[in-house]
Every structure is written in structure tokens, then in C-alpha cells.
C-alpha atoms as a PDB file:
ATOM      1  CA  MET A   1     -24.598 -21.716 -32.400  1.00  0.00           C
ATOM      2  CA  GLU A   2     -27.083 -19.127 -32.479  1.00  0.00           C
ATOM      3  CA  ARG A   3     -26.494 -16.734 -35.735  1.00  0.00           C
ATOM      4  CA  GLU A   4     -28.650 -13.137 -36.070  1.00  0.00           C
ATOM      5  CA  LYS A   5     -29.652 -13.186 -39.836  1.00  0.00           C
ATOM      6  CA  HIS A   6     -28.399  -9.163 -40.278  1.00  0.00           C
ATOM      7  CA  TYR A   7     -26.723  -6.676 -38.983  1.00  0.00           C
ATOM      8  CA  ARG A   8     -28.228  -4.332 -36.784  1.00  0.00           C
ATOM      9  CA  HIS A   9     -27.383  -0.501 -36.532  1.00  0.00           C
ATOM     10  CA  GLU A  10     -25.707   0.348 -33.311  1.00  0.00           C
ATOM     11  CA  LEU A  11     -25.663   4.357 -31.872  1.00  0.00           C
ATOM     12  CA  LYS A  12     -23.879   5.239 -28.352  1.00  0.00           C
ATOM     13  CA  TYR A  13     -24.093   8.919 -26.337  1.00  0.00           C
ATOM     14  CA  ASP A  14     -22.520   9.398 -23.419  1.00  0.00           C
ATOM     15  CA  ILE A  15     -24.977  11.402 -21.226  1.00  0.00           C
ATOM     16  CA  ALA A  16     -25.420  12.852 -17.995  1.00  0.00           C
ATOM     17  CA  TYR A  17     -26.816  11.466 -15.158  1.00  0.00           C
ATOM     18  CA  ALA A  18     -30.107  14.328 -15.488  1.00  0.00           C
ATOM     19  CA  ASP A  19     -30.312  13.372 -18.611  1.00  0.00           C
ATOM     20  CA  TYR A  20     -31.003   9.754 -17.915  1.00  0.00           C
ATOM     21  CA  LEU A  21     -33.479  10.461 -15.340  1.00  0.00           C
ATOM     22  CA  ALA A  22     -35.347  12.642 -17.834  1.00  0.00           C
ATOM     23  CA  MET A  23     -35.013  10.123 -20.598  1.00  0.00           C
ATOM     24  CA  ARG A  24     -35.998   6.890 -18.135  1.00  0.00           C
ATOM     25  CA  THR A  25     -39.147   8.469 -17.381  1.00  0.00           C
ATOM     26  CA  ARG A  26     -40.249   8.803 -20.890  1.00  0.00           C
ATOM     27  CA  LEU A  27     -39.066   5.935 -21.473  1.00  0.00           C
ATOM     28  CA  ARG A  28     -40.957   3.746 -19.360  1.00  0.00           C
ATOM     29  CA  SER A  29     -44.284   5.363 -20.727  1.00  0.00           C
ATOM     30  CA  LEU A  30     -43.349   3.478 -24.035  1.00  0.00           C
ATOM     31  CA  MET A  31     -41.183   0.676 -23.919  1.00  0.00           C
ATOM     32  CA  LYS A  32     -41.487  -2.298 -21.540  1.00  0.00           C
ATOM     33  CA  PRO A  33     -38.604  -3.569 -19.544  1.00  0.00           C
ATOM     34  CA  ASP A  34     -36.334  -6.456 -20.488  1.00  0.00           C
ATOM     35  CA  PRO A  35     -38.179  -9.792 -18.541  1.00  0.00           C
ATOM     36  CA  HIS A  36     -34.413 -10.837 -17.822  1.00  0.00           C
ATOM     37  CA  THR A  37     -33.756  -7.678 -15.564  1.00  0.00           C
ATOM     38  CA  GLY A  38     -33.908  -8.161 -11.232  1.00  0.00           C
ATOM     39  CA  SER A  39     -36.415  -6.612  -9.582  1.00  0.00           C
ATOM     40  CA  ASP A  40     -34.820  -2.767  -9.697  1.00  0.00           C
ATOM     41  CA  GLY A  41     -34.845  -3.218 -13.818  1.00  0.00           C
ATOM     42  CA  ARG A  42     -31.035  -4.199 -14.038  1.00  0.00           C
ATOM     43  CA  TYR A  43     -28.368  -6.310 -13.906  1.00  0.00           C
ATOM     44  CA  LEU A  44     -24.133  -7.010 -13.581  1.00  0.00           C
ATOM     45  CA  ILE A  45     -22.917  -7.276 -16.614  1.00  0.00           C
ATOM     46  CA  ARG A  46     -18.876  -8.681 -16.602  1.00  0.00           C
ATOM     47  CA  SER A  47     -17.313  -9.681 -20.263  1.00  0.00           C
ATOM     48  CA  VAL A  48     -13.451 -10.806 -20.095  1.00  0.00           C
ATOM     49  CA  TYR A  49     -12.066  -9.202 -23.603  1.00  0.00           C
ATOM     50  CA  PHE A  50      -9.479 -10.657 -25.674  1.00  0.00           C
ATOM     51  CA  ASP A  51      -6.768  -9.348 -27.557  1.00  0.00           C
ATOM     52  CA  ASN A  52      -3.066 -10.255 -28.666  1.00  0.00           C
ATOM     53  CA  SER A  53       0.042  -8.464 -27.356  1.00  0.00           C
ATOM     54  CA  ASP A  54      -0.337  -6.211 -30.631  1.00  0.00           C
ATOM     55  CA  ASP A  55      -3.632  -4.844 -29.352  1.00  0.00           C
ATOM     56  CA  LYS A  56      -4.615  -5.643 -32.328  1.00  0.00           C
ATOM     57  CA  ALA A  57      -8.869  -5.328 -30.881  1.00  0.00           C
ATOM     58  CA  LEU A  58      -7.662  -2.044 -29.402  1.00  0.00           C
ATOM     59  CA  ARG A  59      -6.205  -0.068 -31.928  1.00  0.00           C
ATOM     60  CA  GLU A  60      -8.421  -0.893 -34.702  1.00  0.00           C
ATOM     61  CA  LYS A  61     -11.065   1.005 -32.397  1.00  0.00           C
ATOM     62  CA  ILE A  62      -8.712   3.697 -31.793  1.00  0.00           C
ATOM     63  CA  ASP A  63      -7.866   3.676 -35.504  1.00  0.00           C
ATOM     64  CA  GLY A  64     -11.132   4.070 -36.349  1.00  0.00           C
ATOM     65  CA  ILE A  65     -10.947   0.897 -38.787  1.00  0.00           C
ATOM     66  CA  ALA A  66     -14.533   0.252 -39.942  1.00  0.00           C
ATOM     67  CA  LYS A  67     -15.137  -3.239 -40.480  1.00  0.00           C
ATOM     68  CA  ARG A  68     -13.482  -4.868 -36.905  1.00  0.00           C
ATOM     69  CA  GLU A  69     -14.535  -8.028 -34.239  1.00  0.00           C
ATOM     70  CA  LYS A  70     -13.758  -9.163 -30.819  1.00  0.00           C
ATOM     71  CA  PHE A  71     -14.335 -11.786 -28.608  1.00  0.00           C
ATOM     72  CA  ARG A  72     -15.496 -11.574 -25.172  1.00  0.00           C
ATOM     73  CA  MET A  73     -16.518 -14.113 -22.943  1.00  0.00           C
ATOM     74  CA  ARG A  74     -19.750 -13.166 -20.707  1.00  0.00           C
ATOM     75  CA  TYR A  75     -21.561 -13.305 -18.131  1.00  0.00           C
ATOM     76  CA  TYR A  76     -24.582 -11.577 -15.331  1.00  0.00           C
ATOM     77  CA  ASN A  77     -25.088 -10.793 -11.799  1.00  0.00           C
ATOM     78  CA  ASP A  78     -21.577 -13.015 -10.709  1.00  0.00           C
ATOM     79  CA  ASP A  79     -23.913 -16.259 -12.224  1.00  0.00           C
ATOM     80  CA  LEU A  80     -21.188 -18.471 -13.499  1.00  0.00           C
ATOM     81  CA  SER A  81     -24.133 -21.283 -14.525  1.00  0.00           C
ATOM     82  CA  PHE A  82     -24.786 -19.300 -17.288  1.00  0.00           C
ATOM     83  CA  ILE A  83     -21.630 -18.226 -19.354  1.00  0.00           C
ATOM     84  CA  THR A  84     -21.204 -17.072 -23.087  1.00  0.00           C
ATOM     85  CA  LEU A  85     -18.025 -17.042 -25.550  1.00  0.00           C
ATOM     86  CA  GLU A  86     -19.476 -13.932 -27.953  1.00  0.00           C
ATOM     87  CA  LYS A  87     -18.194 -12.053 -31.174  1.00  0.00           C
ATOM     88  CA  LYS A  88     -18.951  -8.734 -32.166  1.00  0.00           C
ATOM     89  CA  MET A  89     -18.330  -7.421 -35.366  1.00  0.00           C
ATOM     90  CA  LYS A  90     -18.998  -4.003 -36.454  1.00  0.00           C
ATOM     91  CA  ILE A  91     -19.241  -2.400 -39.872  1.00  0.00           C
ATOM     92  CA  ASN A  92     -19.143   1.691 -38.737  1.00  0.00           C
ATOM     93  CA  ASP A  93     -22.511   1.672 -36.830  1.00  0.00           C
ATOM     94  CA  LEU A  94     -23.823  -1.618 -37.458  1.00  0.00           C
ATOM     95  CA  CYS A  95     -22.983  -4.459 -35.780  1.00  0.00           C
ATOM     96  CA  LEU A  96     -23.268  -8.600 -35.448  1.00  0.00           C
ATOM     97  CA  LYS A  97     -23.049 -10.937 -32.969  1.00  0.00           C
ATOM     98  CA  TYR A  98     -22.575 -14.424 -32.523  1.00  0.00           C
ATOM     99  CA  ASP A  99     -22.231 -16.581 -29.158  1.00  0.00           C
ATOM    100  CA  ALA A 100     -22.028 -19.700 -27.437  1.00  0.00           C
ATOM    101  CA  ARG A 101     -22.942 -21.200 -24.582  1.00  0.00           C
ATOM    102  CA  ILE A 102     -19.719 -22.433 -22.572  1.00  0.00           C
ATOM    103  CA  THR A 103     -19.356 -24.452 -19.093  1.00  0.00           C
ATOM    104  CA  GLU A 104     -18.224 -22.503 -16.208  1.00  0.00           C
ATOM    105  CA  GLU A 105     -15.416 -25.214 -16.442  1.00  0.00           C
ATOM    106  CA  GLU A 106     -15.000 -24.363 -20.453  1.00  0.00           C
ATOM    107  CA  GLY A 107     -14.251 -20.843 -19.562  1.00  0.00           C
ATOM    108  CA  ARG A 108     -11.711 -21.266 -16.681  1.00  0.00           C
ATOM    109  CA  ARG A 109      -9.669 -23.446 -19.463  1.00  0.00           C
ATOM    110  CA  ILE A 110      -9.424 -20.844 -21.673  1.00  0.00           C
ATOM    111  CA  LEU A 111      -8.529 -18.477 -19.500  1.00  0.00           C
ATOM    112  CA  SER A 112      -5.788 -20.950 -18.214  1.00  0.00           C
ATOM    113  CA  GLY A 113      -4.823 -21.150 -22.127  1.00  0.00           C
ATOM    114  CA  ASP A 114      -5.983 -24.945 -22.177  1.00  0.00           C
ATOM    115  CA  ILE A 115      -7.935 -24.738 -25.062  1.00  0.00           C
ATOM    116  CA  ALA A 116      -7.268 -27.791 -27.276  1.00  0.00           C
ATOM    117  CA  PHE A 117     -10.669 -28.656 -26.136  1.00  0.00           C
ATOM    118  CA  MET A 118     -12.177 -26.244 -28.664  1.00  0.00           C
ATOM    119  CA  LYS A 119     -10.209 -27.789 -31.869  1.00  0.00           C
ATOM    120  CA  GLU A 120     -12.750 -29.993 -32.781  1.00  0.00           C
ATOM    121  CA  HIS A 121     -15.723 -28.492 -30.627  1.00  0.00           C
ATOM    122  CA  GLU A 122     -19.513 -29.281 -32.297  1.00  0.00           C
ATOM    123  CA  ASP A 123     -20.156 -25.259 -32.391  1.00  0.00           C
ATOM    124  CA  GLU A 124     -18.245 -23.578 -34.829  1.00  0.00           C
ATOM    125  CA  LEU A 125     -17.862 -20.979 -32.816  1.00  0.00           C
ATOM    126  CA  LEU A 126     -15.654 -22.240 -30.251  1.00  0.00           C
ATOM    127  CA  ARG A 127     -13.265 -23.825 -33.367  1.00  0.00           C
ATOM    128  CA  GLU A 128     -13.263 -20.248 -34.896  1.00  0.00           C
ATOM    129  CA  PHE A 129     -12.009 -18.789 -31.326  1.00  0.00           C
ATOM    130  CA  TYR A 130      -9.746 -21.437 -31.035  1.00  0.00           C
ATOM    131  CA  ALA A 131      -8.080 -20.950 -34.807  1.00  0.00           C
ATOM    132  CA  LYS A 132      -7.468 -17.207 -33.382  1.00  0.00           C
ATOM    133  CA  MET A 133      -6.147 -18.062 -30.217  1.00  0.00           C
ATOM    134  CA  VAL A 134      -3.674 -19.919 -31.776  1.00  0.00           C
ATOM    135  CA  TYR A 135      -2.833 -17.875 -34.815  1.00  0.00           C
ATOM    136  CA  GLN A 136      -3.400 -14.431 -33.830  1.00  0.00           C
ATOM    137  CA  ARG A 137      -2.447 -15.172 -30.223  1.00  0.00           C
ATOM    138  CA  LEU A 138      -5.912 -13.831 -28.521  1.00  0.00           C
ATOM    139  CA  ARG A 139      -4.969 -13.801 -24.818  1.00  0.00           C
ATOM    140  CA  PRO A 140      -7.825 -12.401 -22.106  1.00  0.00           C
ATOM    141  CA  ARG A 141      -6.802  -8.991 -21.725  1.00  0.00           C
ATOM    142  CA  VAL A 142      -9.273  -7.012 -19.168  1.00  0.00           C
ATOM    143  CA  LEU A 143     -12.426  -7.428 -17.332  1.00  0.00           C
ATOM    144  CA  VAL A 144     -15.003  -4.781 -18.295  1.00  0.00           C
ATOM    145  CA  SER A 145     -17.817  -4.891 -15.634  1.00  0.00           C
ATOM    146  CA  TYR A 146     -20.983  -2.684 -15.893  1.00  0.00           C
ATOM    147  CA  VAL A 147     -24.945  -1.850 -14.813  1.00  0.00           C
ATOM    148  CA  ARG A 148     -27.204  -2.150 -17.744  1.00  0.00           C
ATOM    149  CA  GLU A 149     -30.653  -0.645 -17.604  1.00  0.00           C
ATOM    150  CA  PRO A 150     -32.005  -1.933 -20.505  1.00  0.00           C
ATOM    151  CA  TYR A 151     -35.976  -1.534 -22.145  1.00  0.00           C
ATOM    152  CA  ILE A 152     -37.047  -2.836 -25.636  1.00  0.00           C
ATOM    153  CA  TYR A 153     -39.773  -1.996 -28.620  1.00  0.00           C
ATOM    154  CA  ALA A 154     -40.798  -4.765 -30.508  1.00  0.00           C
ATOM    155  CA  PRO A 155     -41.854  -2.266 -33.569  1.00  0.00           C
ATOM    156  CA  GLY A 156     -38.122  -1.815 -34.868  1.00  0.00           C
ATOM    157  CA  ASN A 157     -36.779  -4.634 -32.535  1.00  0.00           C
ATOM    158  CA  VAL A 158     -35.374  -1.587 -30.481  1.00  0.00           C
ATOM    159  CA  ARG A 159     -33.119  -2.087 -27.651  1.00  0.00           C
ATOM    160  CA  VAL A 160     -32.385   1.281 -25.581  1.00  0.00           C
ATOM    161  CA  THR A 161     -29.970   0.451 -22.802  1.00  0.00           C
ATOM    162  CA  PHE A 162     -28.326   2.893 -20.457  1.00  0.00           C
ATOM    163  CA  ASP A 163     -25.170   1.472 -18.788  1.00  0.00           C
ATOM    164  CA  SER A 164     -23.635   2.849 -15.862  1.00  0.00           C
ATOM    165  CA  GLY A 165     -20.626   1.960 -12.889  1.00  0.00           C
ATOM    166  CA  ILE A 166     -18.168   1.005 -15.806  1.00  0.00           C
ATOM    167  CA  ARG A 167     -15.360  -0.520 -14.060  1.00  0.00           C
ATOM    168  CA  THR A 168     -12.065  -2.066 -15.049  1.00  0.00           C
ATOM    169  CA  SER A 169      -9.243  -5.013 -14.113  1.00  0.00           C
ATOM    170  CA  LEU A 170      -6.316  -5.886 -15.774  1.00  0.00           C
ATOM    171  CA  TYR A 171      -6.523  -9.665 -16.425  1.00  0.00           C
ATOM    172  CA  ARG A 172      -5.564 -11.727 -13.090  1.00  0.00           C
ATOM    173  CA  GLN A 173      -6.245 -15.496 -12.606  1.00  0.00           C
ATOM    174  CA  GLU A 174      -8.596 -14.568  -9.687  1.00  0.00           C
ATOM    175  CA  PHE A 175     -11.629 -13.867 -13.056  1.00  0.00           C
ATOM    176  CA  LEU A 176     -14.928 -15.731 -12.826  1.00  0.00           C
ATOM    177  CA  THR A 177     -14.460 -15.576  -8.510  1.00  0.00           C
ATOM    178  CA  GLU A 178     -17.629 -13.781  -7.110  1.00  0.00           C
ATOM    179  CA  LYS A 179     -14.950 -11.323  -5.426  1.00  0.00           C
ATOM    180  CA  THR A 180     -13.339  -8.688  -8.413  1.00  0.00           C
ATOM    181  CA  GLU A 181     -10.956  -5.950  -7.502  1.00  0.00           C
ATOM    182  CA  ASP A 182     -11.768  -3.316  -9.954  1.00  0.00           C
ATOM    183  CA  ILE A 183     -11.642  -0.067 -10.638  1.00  0.00           C
ATOM    184  CA  SER A 184     -13.563   2.655 -12.559  1.00  0.00           C
ATOM    185  CA  ALA A 185     -12.763   3.241 -15.756  1.00  0.00           C
ATOM    186  CA  THR A 186     -14.450   6.368 -16.786  1.00  0.00           C
ATOM    187  CA  GLU A 187     -13.658  10.346 -15.533  1.00  0.00           C
ATOM    188  CA  ARG A 188     -17.179  10.916 -14.371  1.00  0.00           C
ATOM    189  CA  PRO A 189     -18.428   7.801 -12.814  1.00  0.00           C
ATOM    190  CA  GLN A 190     -21.477   8.856 -12.456  1.00  0.00           C
ATOM    191  CA  ASP A 191     -22.658   9.549 -15.634  1.00  0.00           C
ATOM    192  CA  MET A 192     -24.250   7.422 -18.285  1.00  0.00           C
ATOM    193  CA  ILE A 193     -23.981   5.464 -21.577  1.00  0.00           C
ATOM    194  CA  LEU A 194     -26.558   5.538 -23.925  1.00  0.00           C
ATOM    195  CA  GLU A 195     -27.256   2.618 -26.254  1.00  0.00           C
ATOM    196  CA  VAL A 196     -29.728   2.163 -29.067  1.00  0.00           C
ATOM    197  CA  LYS A 197     -29.635  -0.583 -31.206  1.00  0.00           C
ATOM    198  CA  TYR A 198     -32.473  -1.576 -33.980  1.00  0.00           C
ATOM    199  CA  ASP A 199     -32.843  -3.248 -37.261  1.00  0.00           C
ATOM    200  CA  ARG A 200     -33.647  -1.317 -40.079  1.00  0.00           C
ATOM    201  CA  PHE A 201     -35.547   1.768 -38.659  1.00  0.00           C
ATOM    202  CA  LEU A 202     -35.921   3.550 -35.414  1.00  0.00           C
ATOM    203  CA  PRO A 203     -39.559   4.810 -34.788  1.00  0.00           C
ATOM    204  CA  GLU A 204     -40.024   8.219 -34.822  1.00  0.00           C
ATOM    205  CA  VAL A 205     -41.647   7.824 -31.536  1.00  0.00           C
ATOM    206  CA  ILE A 206     -38.363   6.340 -30.061  1.00  0.00           C
ATOM    207  CA  GLN A 207     -35.940   9.197 -31.952  1.00  0.00           C
ATOM    208  CA  ASP A 208     -38.329  11.695 -30.214  1.00  0.00           C
ATOM    209  CA  PHE A 209     -38.047  10.192 -26.666  1.00  0.00           C
ATOM    210  CA  VAL A 210     -34.587   9.528 -26.374  1.00  0.00           C
ATOM    211  CA  GLN A 211     -33.784  12.461 -27.674  1.00  0.00           C
ATOM    212  CA  VAL A 212     -31.111  11.592 -30.356  1.00  0.00           C
ATOM    213  CA  ARG A 213     -31.128  14.123 -32.396  1.00  0.00           C
ATOM    214  CA  SER A 214     -30.006  16.485 -30.067  1.00  0.00           C
ATOM    215  CA  ILE A 215     -27.488  14.706 -27.917  1.00  0.00           C
ATOM    216  CA  ARG A 216     -24.063  14.019 -29.544  1.00  0.00           C
ATOM    217  CA  GLN A 217     -23.190  10.687 -30.433  1.00  0.00           C
ATOM    218  CA  GLU A 218     -19.885   9.377 -29.451  1.00  0.00           C
ATOM    219  CA  ALA A 219     -17.466   6.725 -30.312  1.00  0.00           C
ATOM    220  CA  PHE A 220     -17.818   5.506 -27.175  1.00  0.00           C
ATOM    221  CA  SER A 221     -15.878   1.851 -26.400  1.00  0.00           C
ATOM    222  CA  LYS A 222     -16.361   0.141 -23.075  1.00  0.00           C
ATOM    223  CA  TYR A 223     -13.742  -2.123 -24.035  1.00  0.00           C
ATOM    224  CA  GLY A 224     -11.247   0.840 -25.211  1.00  0.00           C
ATOM    225  CA  ALA A 225     -12.250   2.870 -21.900  1.00  0.00           C
ATOM    226  CA  CYS A 226     -10.950   0.021 -19.498  1.00  0.00           C
ATOM    227  CA  ARG A 227      -7.726  -0.669 -21.763  1.00  0.00           C
ATOM    228  CA  ARG A 228      -6.530   3.260 -20.700  1.00  0.00           C
ATOM    229  CA  TYR A 229      -5.303   1.325 -17.466  1.00  0.00           C
ATOM    230  CA  GLY A 230      -2.734  -0.968 -18.809  1.00  0.00           C
END
């Protein structure tokens, strides 16, 4: 399991489409597109989030618990040849993510409840996930989908992303399929979520470009927004 060595700052902003257009124009003159994007500079993300029957992860977010964690299974552009299991930990505006590559077969076994194989898995994260699926009764709860447009800036290890088209589907057996039936998870589908992630400092030039001082920071959670429907 590849581990990050430190927490990163994570700031989120709910922005209007017009603000997105203005910011994107400025950012493109300074930051580089993420090399993993397609020709349009974007990619589709789908994440299956896990929670228990008491909605532990959801309640901790709603109640503003400072230190919390959640597990998700993630894949990109509906390509099931590359799936990761992720554990995201947060302390206020700081975040740390652990991830492990899993096969499509392993992903389908996890979704079906066939989890015994993780108990003695060589990857520490899968062993931990097995324990928490057993003792915390974690189960797949919702599929969260959105389009991401990412930019990177080497000083400060800065990553700026624009997320749009956030959609949701409650858990069904047809997760991990090419055809997904879902609905919009936001009241204004045209709006965007701006995320700014960085290590120890955010360069002033990036602050000026994304105007983080003039846009109101939001405690937006894609998982929370998608769980409004069940």
C-alpha cells in the first residue's frame, strides 16, 4: 500500500459557472493540466462509498466531527481494469489518503459481501478494510459520479480541480457496469466545486489566481450530497 507521508490541506468552494470560466482562463496560463486527463483535459470519476447501517461516516460529516474517515472504491472513465480501494482521513481542513490497487474480480467480491479473501491479504489496507467491514459493518451505500478537470503546480505540490456533473445512484448489484442509471445530486447542476489541495503552503500566485480570499469556503461533501436520496 502506497502511503502519503503527511497530511495535505484541502479547501473546497462552491462556485458559479461564470466564476469557473474566469478562473480556468487564468489557471491555464500558470498551471499544467494533469497528464492523466483526456484530450479535453477531464476525466470521469466513479466512487462506491461504504458506510454502516447507522450511517457512521455520514453522521460524522453532518455533526462536524473534526477527525473522521471513510472508505471508497474508485475507478476512472468506466475503465474497470484500474480500480483502487481508498481510505480518506480528515482532520478539519487536512486530509490524508491511503490507496491500494485491486482487481475487477476483487472489487466485485467486495461488493457482493465475499470479503474473506481480504483477511490475509498482502496489502495492509485491505486487511484493515476487512476488519472494519466485519466489526463496523461497513457496506456499499452509494455510487458518486462526477467529471473532474485537474491542474497541477509544482511549488507547494498544489492541485486545483473543478468538479461538475455530480450524480448519484444508491447501491444496486449493477455497480461496476458500463451503463449506470443515476440522477443529479446538486440543486444547481451547472455549478462547480472548486478544490484546492497543497502541502505546507499555498503560493500567493495561486491564491490570487483562484481568488480563494473572495470566494466563500464551503464544507461540501460529495458523499453527503449524494446520500440525501437515501
